Amino acid sequence: MPKKVVRESVALYDAKTQLSALVDRAAAGEEIVIMKSGHPMARLVPMEDTRHRRVPGQGKGMWKVARGFDAPLPDDVLDSFEAE
């Protein structure tokens, strides 16, 4: 997501009544300053993505699939799924 820093000041009362919309705007990259009595009190900014990127193949050789993994289930197990 491209960074778009648009600094806008919003009065505390307006921030309370429009919080959901302001959070959406911040998530889209805007920076919103919340003012109280004409003084800046807080900044609403987008969160950084803290998730780790998956790297394909990292678990190669660490897992073994049992030989009969995809064999049909026994009748008694199948019946338990269909029991009411």
Protein backbone atom coordinates (compact mmCIF):
# COMPACT_ATOMS: atom_id res chain seq x y z
CA MET A 1 0.00 0.00 0.00
CA PRO A 2 1.48 3.36 -0.97
CA LYS A 3 2.09 5.76 1.88
CA LYS A 4 -0.11 8.79 1.65
CA VAL A 5 0.41 11.05 4.60
CA VAL A 6 -2.28 13.68 4.65
CA ARG A 7 -2.16 15.43 7.98
CA GLU A 8 -5.57 16.69 9.02
CA SER A 9 -6.69 18.09 12.35
CA VAL A 10 -10.01 17.00 13.81
CA ALA A 11 -11.67 18.27 16.96
CA LEU A 12 -12.13 15.68 19.71
CA TYR A 13 -15.93 15.90 19.53
CA ASP A 14 -15.86 15.29 15.77
CA ALA A 15 -13.39 12.43 16.22
CA LYS A 16 -15.77 10.75 18.67
CA THR A 17 -18.70 11.03 16.29
CA GLN A 18 -16.71 9.97 13.19
CA LEU A 19 -14.29 7.45 14.72
CA SER A 20 -15.08 4.59 12.36
CA ALA A 21 -14.56 6.75 9.26
CA LEU A 22 -11.36 8.23 10.70
CA VAL A 23 -9.98 4.75 11.42
CA ASP A 24 -10.71 3.71 7.83
CA ARG A 25 -8.90 6.78 6.55
CA ALA A 26 -5.92 6.12 8.82
CA ALA A 27 -5.79 2.51 7.64
CA ALA A 28 -5.65 3.85 4.08
CA GLY A 29 -2.52 5.83 4.96
CA GLU A 30 -3.70 9.19 6.26
CA GLU A 31 -2.44 10.74 9.48
CA ILE A 32 -5.10 12.47 11.57
CA VAL A 33 -4.31 14.73 14.52
CA ILE A 34 -6.99 14.89 17.21
CA MET A 35 -7.27 18.30 18.84
CA LYS A 36 -8.73 19.23 22.23
CA SER A 37 -9.32 22.91 23.00
CA GLY A 38 -7.17 23.84 20.01
CA HIS A 39 -4.17 21.76 21.14
CA PRO A 40 -2.98 18.56 19.47
CA MET A 41 -3.61 15.64 21.85
CA ALA A 42 -3.29 12.45 19.77
CA ARG A 43 -2.35 11.14 16.36
CA LEU A 44 -4.29 8.49 14.45
CA VAL A 45 -1.87 6.72 12.10
CA PRO A 46 -1.92 3.46 10.11
CA MET A 47 -0.52 0.34 11.75
CA GLU A 48 2.58 -1.21 10.27
CA ASP A 49 2.24 -4.77 9.03
CA THR A 50 4.02 -6.83 11.67
CA ARG A 51 3.27 -10.24 10.17
CA HIS A 52 6.25 -12.27 9.04
CA ARG A 53 6.34 -13.16 5.37
CA ARG A 54 6.06 -16.86 4.71
CA VAL A 55 8.96 -18.39 2.87
CA PRO A 56 7.98 -21.44 0.78
CA GLY A 57 9.92 -24.59 1.51
CA GLN A 58 11.03 -23.78 5.05
CA GLY A 59 9.40 -26.93 6.46
CA LYS A 60 10.66 -29.25 3.75
CA GLY A 61 11.66 -32.60 5.22
CA MET A 62 10.21 -31.80 8.65
CA TRP A 63 6.86 -33.54 8.10
CA LYS A 64 6.00 -37.08 7.17
CA VAL A 65 2.61 -38.12 5.87
CA ALA A 66 1.58 -41.60 6.95
CA ARG A 67 1.24 -44.16 4.19
CA GLY A 68 -2.51 -44.68 4.71
CA PHE A 69 -3.27 -40.97 5.20
CA ASP A 70 -5.91 -40.78 2.48
CA ALA A 71 -7.36 -44.27 2.97
CA PRO A 72 -11.15 -44.48 3.44
CA LEU A 73 -12.33 -44.13 7.04
CA PRO A 74 -13.71 -47.21 8.84
CA ASP A 75 -17.50 -47.63 8.73
CA ASP A 76 -17.97 -46.95 12.46
CA VAL A 77 -16.20 -43.57 12.13
CA LEU A 78 -18.26 -42.65 9.06
CA ASP A 79 -21.44 -43.64 10.91
CA SER A 80 -20.55 -41.32 13.81
CA PHE A 81 -20.50 -38.35 11.41
CA GLU A 82 -23.96 -39.18 10.17
CA ALA A 83 -25.51 -39.93 13.60
CA GLU A 84 -28.15 -37.52 14.81
